[in-house]
């Protein structure tokens, strides 16, 4: 993830994840805290992921405080803040 990334918008033209109807396999996995820091992020940074795609977009639990995968509804967003040990869902 680039250091200057604050918003990632997923649209049909820039998105190739799992099958369109997928609701359980992670399409998007946030980087480890160490990798995010190395890329230039700072603790407390918030990253927003927006689903503008017709395809289902599923956020994985890896490196987050999510207890299960998160399937974004169309035209919605989710935000994660970088904590000391993982990404925490902010909204």
PDB file of N, CA and C in Angstrom:
ATOM      1  N   UNK A   1       0.847  -1.168   0.000  1.00  0.00           N
ATOM      2  CA  UNK A   1       0.000   0.000   0.000  1.00  0.00           C
ATOM      3  C   UNK A   1       0.895   1.233   0.000  1.00  0.00           C
ATOM      4  N   UNK A   2       0.709   2.137  -0.936  1.00  0.00           N
ATOM      5  CA  UNK A   2       1.544   3.329  -0.991  1.00  0.00           C
ATOM      6  C   UNK A   2       1.405   4.196   0.258  1.00  0.00           C
ATOM      7  N   UNK A   3       2.451   4.896   0.600  1.00  0.00           N
ATOM      8  CA  UNK A   3       2.450   5.730   1.801  1.00  0.00           C
ATOM      9  C   UNK A   3       1.404   6.829   1.731  1.00  0.00           C
ATOM     10  N   UNK A   4       1.104   7.314   0.526  1.00  0.00           N
ATOM     11  CA  UNK A   4       0.163   8.421   0.408  1.00  0.00           C
ATOM     12  C   UNK A   4      -1.282   7.955   0.237  1.00  0.00           C
ATOM     13  N   UNK A   5      -1.514   6.656   0.328  1.00  0.00           N
ATOM     14  CA  UNK A   5      -2.874   6.149   0.158  1.00  0.00           C
ATOM     15  C   UNK A   5      -3.716   6.468   1.378  1.00  0.00           C
ATOM     16  N   UNK A   6      -4.782   7.199   1.170  1.00  0.00           N
ATOM     17  CA  UNK A   6      -5.748   7.432   2.236  1.00  0.00           C
ATOM     18  C   UNK A   6      -7.116   6.904   1.841  1.00  0.00           C
ATOM     19  N   UNK A   7      -7.370   6.815   0.545  1.00  0.00           N
ATOM     20  CA  UNK A   7      -8.646   6.292   0.063  1.00  0.00           C
ATOM     21  C   UNK A   7      -8.383   5.335  -1.088  1.00  0.00           C
ATOM     22  N   UNK A   8      -9.006   4.172  -1.024  1.00  0.00           N
ATOM     23  CA  UNK A   8      -8.918   3.219  -2.116  1.00  0.00           C
ATOM     24  C   UNK A   8     -10.332   2.967  -2.604  1.00  0.00           C
ATOM     25  N   UNK A   9     -10.606   3.309  -3.851  1.00  0.00           N
ATOM     26  CA  UNK A   9     -11.943   3.140  -4.402  1.00  0.00           C
ATOM     27  C   UNK A   9     -11.929   1.983  -5.383  1.00  0.00           C
ATOM     28  N   UNK A  10     -12.797   1.024  -5.142  1.00  0.00           N
ATOM     29  CA  UNK A  10     -12.849  -0.163  -5.984  1.00  0.00           C
ATOM     30  C   UNK A  10     -14.008  -0.055  -6.963  1.00  0.00           C
ATOM     31  N   UNK A  11     -13.663   0.007  -8.237  1.00  0.00           N
ATOM     32  CA  UNK A  11     -14.647   0.067  -9.315  1.00  0.00           C
ATOM     33  C   UNK A  11     -14.375  -1.083 -10.274  1.00  0.00           C
ATOM     34  N   UNK A  12     -15.328  -1.363 -11.148  1.00  0.00           N
ATOM     35  CA  UNK A  12     -15.171  -2.484 -12.070  1.00  0.00           C
ATOM     36  C   UNK A  12     -13.897  -2.362 -12.906  1.00  0.00           C
ATOM     37  N   UNK A  13     -13.514  -1.158 -13.267  1.00  0.00           N
ATOM     38  CA  UNK A  13     -12.353  -0.965 -14.132  1.00  0.00           C
ATOM     39  C   UNK A  13     -11.015  -1.195 -13.425  1.00  0.00           C
ATOM     40  N   UNK A  14     -10.975  -1.096 -12.097  1.00  0.00           N
ATOM     41  CA  UNK A  14      -9.698  -1.251 -11.398  1.00  0.00           C
ATOM     42  C   UNK A  14      -9.719  -2.400 -10.407  1.00  0.00           C
ATOM     43  N   UNK A  15     -10.681  -3.287 -10.544  1.00  0.00           N
ATOM     44  CA  UNK A  15     -10.873  -4.297  -9.514  1.00  0.00           C
ATOM     45  C   UNK A  15     -10.924  -5.670 -10.121  1.00  0.00           C
ATOM     46  N   UNK A  16     -10.117  -6.582  -9.624  1.00  0.00           N
ATOM     47  CA  UNK A  16     -10.227  -7.995 -10.000  1.00  0.00           C
ATOM     48  C   UNK A  16      -9.983  -8.799  -8.744  1.00  0.00           C
ATOM     49  N   UNK A  17     -11.042  -9.180  -8.099  1.00  0.00           N
ATOM     50  CA  UNK A  17     -10.945  -9.977  -6.885  1.00  0.00           C
ATOM     51  C   UNK A  17     -11.436 -11.381  -7.162  1.00  0.00           C
ATOM     52  N   UNK A  18     -12.129 -11.946  -6.220  1.00  0.00           N
ATOM     53  CA  UNK A  18     -12.721 -13.261  -6.402  1.00  0.00           C
ATOM     54  C   UNK A  18     -13.969 -13.122  -7.275  1.00  0.00           C
ATOM     55  N   UNK A  19     -14.742 -14.184  -7.409  1.00  0.00           N
ATOM     56  CA  UNK A  19     -15.915 -14.138  -8.285  1.00  0.00           C
ATOM     57  C   UNK A  19     -16.873 -13.021  -7.867  1.00  0.00           C
ATOM     58  N   UNK A  20     -17.668 -12.564  -8.809  1.00  0.00           N
ATOM     59  CA  UNK A  20     -18.565 -11.433  -8.563  1.00  0.00           C
ATOM     60  C   UNK A  20     -19.506 -11.690  -7.398  1.00  0.00           C
ATOM     61  N   UNK A  21     -19.939 -12.931  -7.228  1.00  0.00           N
ATOM     62  CA  UNK A  21     -20.897 -13.243  -6.164  1.00  0.00           C
ATOM     63  C   UNK A  21     -20.236 -13.652  -4.851  1.00  0.00           C
ATOM     64  N   UNK A  22     -18.911 -13.612  -4.793  1.00  0.00           N
ATOM     65  CA  UNK A  22     -18.190 -14.008  -3.585  1.00  0.00           C
ATOM     66  C   UNK A  22     -18.604 -13.172  -2.377  1.00  0.00           C
ATOM     67  N   UNK A  23     -18.866 -13.822  -1.256  1.00  0.00           N
ATOM     68  CA  UNK A  23     -19.162 -13.096  -0.014  1.00  0.00           C
ATOM     69  C   UNK A  23     -18.328 -13.599   1.158  1.00  0.00           C
ATOM     70  N   UNK A  24     -17.414 -14.544   0.916  1.00  0.00           N
ATOM     71  CA  UNK A  24     -16.657 -15.120   2.032  1.00  0.00           C
ATOM     72  C   UNK A  24     -15.146 -15.084   1.855  1.00  0.00           C
ATOM     73  N   UNK A  25     -14.637 -15.093   0.636  1.00  0.00           N
ATOM     74  CA  UNK A  25     -13.192 -15.087   0.413  1.00  0.00           C
ATOM     75  C   UNK A  25     -12.678 -13.654   0.393  1.00  0.00           C
ATOM     76  N   UNK A  26     -11.598 -13.405   1.116  1.00  0.00           N
ATOM     77  CA  UNK A  26     -11.058 -12.044   1.207  1.00  0.00           C
ATOM     78  C   UNK A  26     -10.515 -11.573  -0.139  1.00  0.00           C
ATOM     79  N   UNK A  27     -11.017 -10.433  -0.596  1.00  0.00           N
ATOM     80  CA  UNK A  27     -10.513  -9.779  -1.802  1.00  0.00           C
ATOM     81  C   UNK A  27      -9.454  -8.741  -1.440  1.00  0.00           C
ATOM     82  N   UNK A  28      -9.581  -8.155  -0.287  1.00  0.00           N
ATOM     83  CA  UNK A  28      -8.731  -7.039   0.123  1.00  0.00           C
ATOM     84  C   UNK A  28      -8.170  -7.341   1.504  1.00  0.00           C
ATOM     85  N   UNK A  29      -6.847  -7.368   1.627  1.00  0.00           N
ATOM     86  CA  UNK A  29      -6.196  -7.616   2.915  1.00  0.00           C
ATOM     87  C   UNK A  29      -5.269  -6.445   3.204  1.00  0.00           C
ATOM     88  N   UNK A  30      -5.453  -5.837   4.346  1.00  0.00           N
ATOM     89  CA  UNK A  30      -4.605  -4.709   4.740  1.00  0.00           C
ATOM     90  C   UNK A  30      -3.207  -5.214   5.090  1.00  0.00           C
ATOM     91  N   UNK A  31      -2.177  -4.376   4.887  1.00  0.00           N
ATOM     92  CA  UNK A  31      -0.805  -4.807   5.161  1.00  0.00           C
ATOM     93  C   UNK A  31      -0.532  -4.921   6.657  1.00  0.00           C
ATOM     94  N   UNK A  32       0.542  -5.599   6.998  1.00  0.00           N
ATOM     95  CA  UNK A  32       0.958  -5.661   8.401  1.00  0.00           C
ATOM     96  C   UNK A  32       1.299  -4.253   8.869  1.00  0.00           C
ATOM     97  N   UNK A  33       1.293  -4.049  10.164  1.00  0.00           N
ATOM     98  CA  UNK A  33       1.659  -2.740  10.716  1.00  0.00           C
ATOM     99  C   UNK A  33       3.079  -2.384  10.292  1.00  0.00           C
ATOM    100  N   UNK A  34       3.993  -3.350  10.382  1.00  0.00           N
ATOM    101  CA  UNK A  34       5.390  -3.099  10.017  1.00  0.00           C
ATOM    102  C   UNK A  34       5.503  -2.649   8.558  1.00  0.00           C
ATOM    103  N   UNK A  35       4.801  -3.317   7.671  1.00  0.00           N
ATOM    104  CA  UNK A  35       4.847  -2.936   6.254  1.00  0.00           C
ATOM    105  C   UNK A  35       4.214  -1.570   6.016  1.00  0.00           C
ATOM    106  N   UNK A  36       3.134  -1.273   6.730  1.00  0.00           N
ATOM    107  CA  UNK A  36       2.488   0.033   6.588  1.00  0.00           C
ATOM    108  C   UNK A  36       3.420   1.148   7.067  1.00  0.00           C
ATOM    109  N   UNK A  37       4.095   0.925   8.195  1.00  0.00           N
ATOM    110  CA  UNK A  37       5.042   1.919   8.726  1.00  0.00           C
ATOM    111  C   UNK A  37       6.209   2.103   7.757  1.00  0.00           C
ATOM    112  N   UNK A  38       6.725   0.991   7.236  1.00  0.00           N
ATOM    113  CA  UNK A  38       7.821   1.058   6.271  1.00  0.00           C
ATOM    114  C   UNK A  38       7.411   1.842   5.026  1.00  0.00           C
ATOM    115  N   UNK A  39       6.151   1.708   4.626  1.00  0.00           N
ATOM    116  CA  UNK A  39       5.644   2.414   3.442  1.00  0.00           C
ATOM    117  C   UNK A  39       5.382   3.892   3.712  1.00  0.00           C
ATOM    118  N   UNK A  40       5.488   4.308   4.985  1.00  0.00           N
ATOM    119  CA  UNK A  40       5.323   5.721   5.300  1.00  0.00           C
ATOM    120  C   UNK A  40       4.100   6.084   6.111  1.00  0.00           C
ATOM    121  N   UNK A  41       3.266   5.099   6.424  1.00  0.00           N
ATOM    122  CA  UNK A  41       2.109   5.389   7.270  1.00  0.00           C
ATOM    123  C   UNK A  41       2.560   5.641   8.701  1.00  0.00           C
ATOM    124  N   UNK A  42       1.719   6.330   9.459  1.00  0.00           N
ATOM    125  CA  UNK A  42       1.983   6.603  10.874  1.00  0.00           C
ATOM    126  C   UNK A  42       0.838   6.036  11.690  1.00  0.00           C
ATOM    127  N   UNK A  43       1.116   5.720  12.946  1.00  0.00           N
ATOM    128  CA  UNK A  43       0.056   5.244  13.831  1.00  0.00           C
ATOM    129  C   UNK A  43      -1.068   6.273  13.852  1.00  0.00           C
ATOM    130  N   UNK A  44      -2.292   5.813  13.756  1.00  0.00           N
ATOM    131  CA  UNK A  44      -3.446   6.697  13.738  1.00  0.00           C
ATOM    132  C   UNK A  44      -3.930   7.052  12.344  1.00  0.00           C
ATOM    133  N   UNK A  45      -3.111   6.761  11.314  1.00  0.00           N
ATOM    134  CA  UNK A  45      -3.568   7.014   9.945  1.00  0.00           C
ATOM    135  C   UNK A  45      -4.852   6.243   9.682  1.00  0.00           C
ATOM    136  N   UNK A  46      -5.756   6.856   8.951  1.00  0.00           N
ATOM    137  CA  UNK A  46      -7.012   6.202   8.584  1.00  0.00           C
ATOM    138  C   UNK A  46      -7.014   5.970   7.078  1.00  0.00           C
ATOM    139  N   UNK A  47      -7.330   4.750   6.696  1.00  0.00           N
ATOM    140  CA  UNK A  47      -7.468   4.384   5.291  1.00  0.00           C
ATOM    141  C   UNK A  47      -8.940   4.082   5.039  1.00  0.00           C
ATOM    142  N   UNK A  48      -9.481   4.652   3.981  1.00  0.00           N
ATOM    143  CA  UNK A  48     -10.878   4.442   3.611  1.00  0.00           C
ATOM    144  C   UNK A  48     -10.922   3.562   2.367  1.00  0.00           C
ATOM    145  N   UNK A  49     -11.727   2.521   2.418  1.00  0.00           N
ATOM    146  CA  UNK A  49     -11.933   1.640   1.275  1.00  0.00           C
ATOM    147  C   UNK A  49     -13.384   1.817   0.839  1.00  0.00           C
ATOM    148  N   UNK A  50     -13.572   2.180  -0.413  1.00  0.00           N
ATOM    149  CA  UNK A  50     -14.918   2.442  -0.940  1.00  0.00           C
ATOM    150  C   UNK A  50     -15.262   1.418  -2.017  1.00  0.00           C
ATOM    151  N   UNK A  51     -16.466   0.870  -1.933  1.00  0.00           N
ATOM    152  CA  UNK A  51     -16.921  -0.063  -2.970  1.00  0.00           C
ATOM    153  C   UNK A  51     -17.819   0.657  -3.953  1.00  0.00           C
ATOM    154  N   UNK A  52     -17.310   0.855  -5.150  1.00  0.00           N
ATOM    155  CA  UNK A  52     -18.109   1.390  -6.231  1.00  0.00           C
ATOM    156  C   UNK A  52     -18.284   0.351  -7.321  1.00  0.00           C
ATOM    157  N   UNK A  53     -17.886  -0.869  -7.041  1.00  0.00           N
ATOM    158  CA  UNK A  53     -17.887  -1.956  -8.008  1.00  0.00           C
ATOM    159  C   UNK A  53     -19.185  -2.747  -7.979  1.00  0.00           C
ATOM    160  N   UNK A  54     -19.538  -3.317  -9.128  1.00  0.00           N
ATOM    161  CA  UNK A  54     -20.676  -4.235  -9.180  1.00  0.00           C
ATOM    162  C   UNK A  54     -20.310  -5.556  -8.511  1.00  0.00           C
ATOM    163  N   UNK A  55     -19.018  -5.856  -8.464  1.00  0.00           N
ATOM    164  CA  UNK A  55     -18.544  -7.071  -7.815  1.00  0.00           C
ATOM    165  C   UNK A  55     -18.604  -6.913  -6.303  1.00  0.00           C
ATOM    166  N   UNK A  56     -18.859  -8.000  -5.601  1.00  0.00           N
ATOM    167  CA  UNK A  56     -18.775  -7.964  -4.145  1.00  0.00           C
ATOM    168  C   UNK A  56     -17.330  -7.696  -3.752  1.00  0.00           C
ATOM    169  N   UNK A  57     -17.127  -6.930  -2.717  1.00  0.00           N
ATOM    170  CA  UNK A  57     -15.799  -6.637  -2.192  1.00  0.00           C
ATOM    171  C   UNK A  57     -15.776  -7.093  -0.742  1.00  0.00           C
ATOM    172  N   UNK A  58     -14.868  -8.015  -0.441  1.00  0.00           N
ATOM    173  CA  UNK A  58     -14.796  -8.613   0.885  1.00  0.00           C
ATOM    174  C   UNK A  58     -13.461  -8.242   1.528  1.00  0.00           C
ATOM    175  N   UNK A  59     -13.532  -7.630   2.711  1.00  0.00           N
ATOM    176  CA  UNK A  59     -12.345  -7.252   3.466  1.00  0.00           C
ATOM    177  C   UNK A  59     -11.971  -8.417   4.375  1.00  0.00           C
ATOM    178  N   UNK A  60     -10.726  -8.852   4.299  1.00  0.00           N
ATOM    179  CA  UNK A  60     -10.263  -9.968   5.120  1.00  0.00           C
ATOM    180  C   UNK A  60      -9.968  -9.555   6.547  1.00  0.00           C
ATOM    181  N   UNK A  61      -9.896 -10.533   7.433  1.00  0.00           N
ATOM    182  CA  UNK A  61      -9.627 -10.281   8.850  1.00  0.00           C
ATOM    183  C   UNK A  61      -8.140 -10.117   9.145  1.00  0.00           C
ATOM    184  N   UNK A  62      -7.276 -10.583   8.256  1.00  0.00           N
ATOM    185  CA  UNK A  62      -5.833 -10.535   8.473  1.00  0.00           C
ATOM    186  C   UNK A  62      -5.378  -9.111   8.763  1.00  0.00           C
ATOM    187  N   UNK A  63      -4.604  -8.934   9.813  1.00  0.00           N
ATOM    188  CA  UNK A  63      -4.024  -7.648  10.222  1.00  0.00           C
ATOM    189  C   UNK A  63      -5.059  -6.623  10.676  1.00  0.00           C
ATOM    190  N   UNK A  64      -6.276  -7.070  10.996  1.00  0.00           N
ATOM    191  CA  UNK A  64      -7.327  -6.162  11.467  1.00  0.00           C
ATOM    192  C   UNK A  64      -7.944  -6.695  12.754  1.00  0.00           C
ATOM    193  N   UNK A  65      -8.830  -5.900  13.339  1.00  0.00           N
ATOM    194  CA  UNK A  65      -9.568  -6.355  14.521  1.00  0.00           C
ATOM    195  C   UNK A  65     -10.919  -6.960  14.150  1.00  0.00           C
ATOM    196  N   UNK A  66     -11.150  -7.219  12.882  1.00  0.00           N
ATOM    197  CA  UNK A  66     -12.404  -7.841  12.460  1.00  0.00           C
ATOM    198  C   UNK A  66     -12.461  -9.283  12.952  1.00  0.00           C
ATOM    199  N   UNK A  67     -13.609  -9.697  13.442  1.00  0.00           N
ATOM    200  CA  UNK A  67     -13.765 -11.081  13.894  1.00  0.00           C
ATOM    201  C   UNK A  67     -14.233 -11.987  12.756  1.00  0.00           C
ATOM    202  N   UNK A  68     -14.744 -11.393  11.683  1.00  0.00           N
ATOM    203  CA  UNK A  68     -15.119 -12.154  10.495  1.00  0.00           C
ATOM    204  C   UNK A  68     -14.955 -11.241   9.287  1.00  0.00           C
ATOM    205  N   UNK A  69     -14.921 -11.836   8.095  1.00  0.00           N
ATOM    206  CA  UNK A  69     -14.760 -11.022   6.893  1.00  0.00           C
ATOM    207  C   UNK A  69     -15.905 -10.017   6.795  1.00  0.00           C
ATOM    208  N   UNK A  70     -15.632  -8.912   6.132  1.00  0.00           N
ATOM    209  CA  UNK A  70     -16.612  -7.843   5.987  1.00  0.00           C
ATOM    210  C   UNK A  70     -16.934  -7.670   4.510  1.00  0.00           C
ATOM    211  N   UNK A  71     -18.171  -7.916   4.142  1.00  0.00           N
ATOM    212  CA  UNK A  71     -18.615  -7.740   2.765  1.00  0.00           C
ATOM    213  C   UNK A  71     -19.223  -6.346   2.639  1.00  0.00           C
ATOM    214  N   UNK A  72     -18.581  -5.499   1.843  1.00  0.00           N
ATOM    215  CA  UNK A  72     -19.069  -4.127   1.681  1.00  0.00           C
ATOM    216  C   UNK A  72     -20.298  -4.091   0.783  1.00  0.00           C
ATOM    217  N   UNK A  73     -21.293  -3.357   1.203  1.00  0.00           N
ATOM    218  CA  UNK A  73     -22.479  -3.142   0.372  1.00  0.00           C
ATOM    219  C   UNK A  73     -22.120  -2.164  -0.750  1.00  0.00           C
ATOM    220  N   UNK A  74     -22.846  -2.189  -1.868  1.00  0.00           N
ATOM    221  CA  UNK A  74     -22.553  -1.266  -2.962  1.00  0.00           C
ATOM    222  C   UNK A  74     -22.586   0.193  -2.506  1.00  0.00           C
ATOM    223  N   UNK A  75     -21.646   0.973  -3.034  1.00  0.00           N
ATOM    224  CA  UNK A  75     -21.558   2.411  -2.768  1.00  0.00           C
ATOM    225  C   UNK A  75     -21.435   2.741  -1.292  1.00  0.00           C
ATOM    226  N   UNK A  76     -20.722   1.904  -0.557  1.00  0.00           N
ATOM    227  CA  UNK A  76     -20.439   2.180   0.848  1.00  0.00           C
ATOM    228  C   UNK A  76     -18.935   2.172   1.063  1.00  0.00           C
ATOM    229  N   UNK A  77     -18.531   2.675   2.213  1.00  0.00           N
ATOM    230  CA  UNK A  77     -17.119   2.754   2.558  1.00  0.00           C
ATOM    231  C   UNK A  77     -16.892   2.188   3.945  1.00  0.00           C
ATOM    232  N   UNK A  78     -15.652   1.809   4.197  1.00  0.00           N
ATOM    233  CA  UNK A  78     -15.235   1.370   5.518  1.00  0.00           C
ATOM    234  C   UNK A  78     -13.886   2.034   5.784  1.00  0.00           C
ATOM    235  N   UNK A  79     -13.650   2.403   7.031  1.00  0.00           N
ATOM    236  CA  UNK A  79     -12.391   3.039   7.391  1.00  0.00           C
ATOM    237  C   UNK A  79     -11.661   2.243   8.446  1.00  0.00           C
ATOM    238  N   UNK A  80     -10.339   2.168   8.315  1.00  0.00           N
ATOM    239  CA  UNK A  80      -9.494   1.486   9.284  1.00  0.00           C
ATOM    240  C   UNK A  80      -8.401   2.437   9.751  1.00  0.00           C
ATOM    241  N   UNK A  81      -8.165   2.464  11.069  1.00  0.00           N
ATOM    242  CA  UNK A  81      -7.093   3.273  11.650  1.00  0.00           C
ATOM    243  C   UNK A  81      -5.938   2.351  12.005  1.00  0.00           C
ATOM    244  N   UNK A  82      -4.720   2.805  11.742  1.00  0.00           N
ATOM    245  CA  UNK A  82      -3.531   2.008  12.023  1.00  0.00           C
ATOM    246  C   UNK A  82      -3.184   2.096  13.500  1.00  0.00           C
ATOM    247  N   UNK A  83      -3.248   0.962  14.173  1.00  0.00           N
ATOM    248  CA  UNK A  83      -2.901   0.876  15.588  1.00  0.00           C
ATOM    249  C   UNK A  83      -1.515   0.302  15.776  1.00  0.00           C
ATOM    250  N   UNK A  84      -1.129   0.098  17.006  1.00  0.00           N
ATOM    251  CA  UNK A  84       0.206  -0.395  17.338  1.00  0.00           C
ATOM    252  C   UNK A  84       0.419  -1.837  16.884  1.00  0.00           C
ATOM    253  N   UNK A  85      -0.677  -2.610  16.798  1.00  0.00           N
ATOM    254  CA  UNK A  85      -0.530  -4.029  16.465  1.00  0.00           C
ATOM    255  C   UNK A  85      -1.371  -4.497  15.288  1.00  0.00           C
ATOM    256  N   UNK A  86      -2.319  -3.684  14.832  1.00  0.00           N
ATOM    257  CA  UNK A  86      -3.194  -4.064  13.718  1.00  0.00           C
ATOM    258  C   UNK A  86      -3.989  -2.853  13.267  1.00  0.00           C
ATOM    259  N   UNK A  87      -4.774  -3.037  12.225  1.00  0.00           N
ATOM    260  CA  UNK A  87      -5.704  -2.016  11.753  1.00  0.00           C
ATOM    261  C   UNK A  87      -7.016  -2.196  12.490  1.00  0.00           C
ATOM    262  N   UNK A  88      -7.590  -1.090  12.971  1.00  0.00           N
ATOM    263  CA  UNK A  88      -8.847  -1.126  13.717  1.00  0.00           C
ATOM    264  C   UNK A  88      -9.937  -0.450  12.898  1.00  0.00           C
ATOM    265  N   UNK A  89     -11.079  -1.133  12.799  1.00  0.00           N
ATOM    266  CA  UNK A  89     -12.182  -0.543  12.049  1.00  0.00           C
ATOM    267  C   UNK A  89     -12.650   0.713  12.768  1.00  0.00           C
ATOM    268  N   UNK A  90     -12.666   1.834  12.044  1.00  0.00           N
ATOM    269  CA  UNK A  90     -13.071   3.111  12.620  1.00  0.00           C
ATOM    270  C   UNK A  90     -14.526   3.439  12.277  1.00  0.00           C
ATOM    271  N   UNK A  91     -14.960   3.031  11.107  1.00  0.00           N
ATOM    272  CA  UNK A  91     -16.364   3.214  10.698  1.00  0.00           C
ATOM    273  C   UNK A  91     -16.679   2.252   9.575  1.00  0.00           C
TER     274      UNK A  91
END
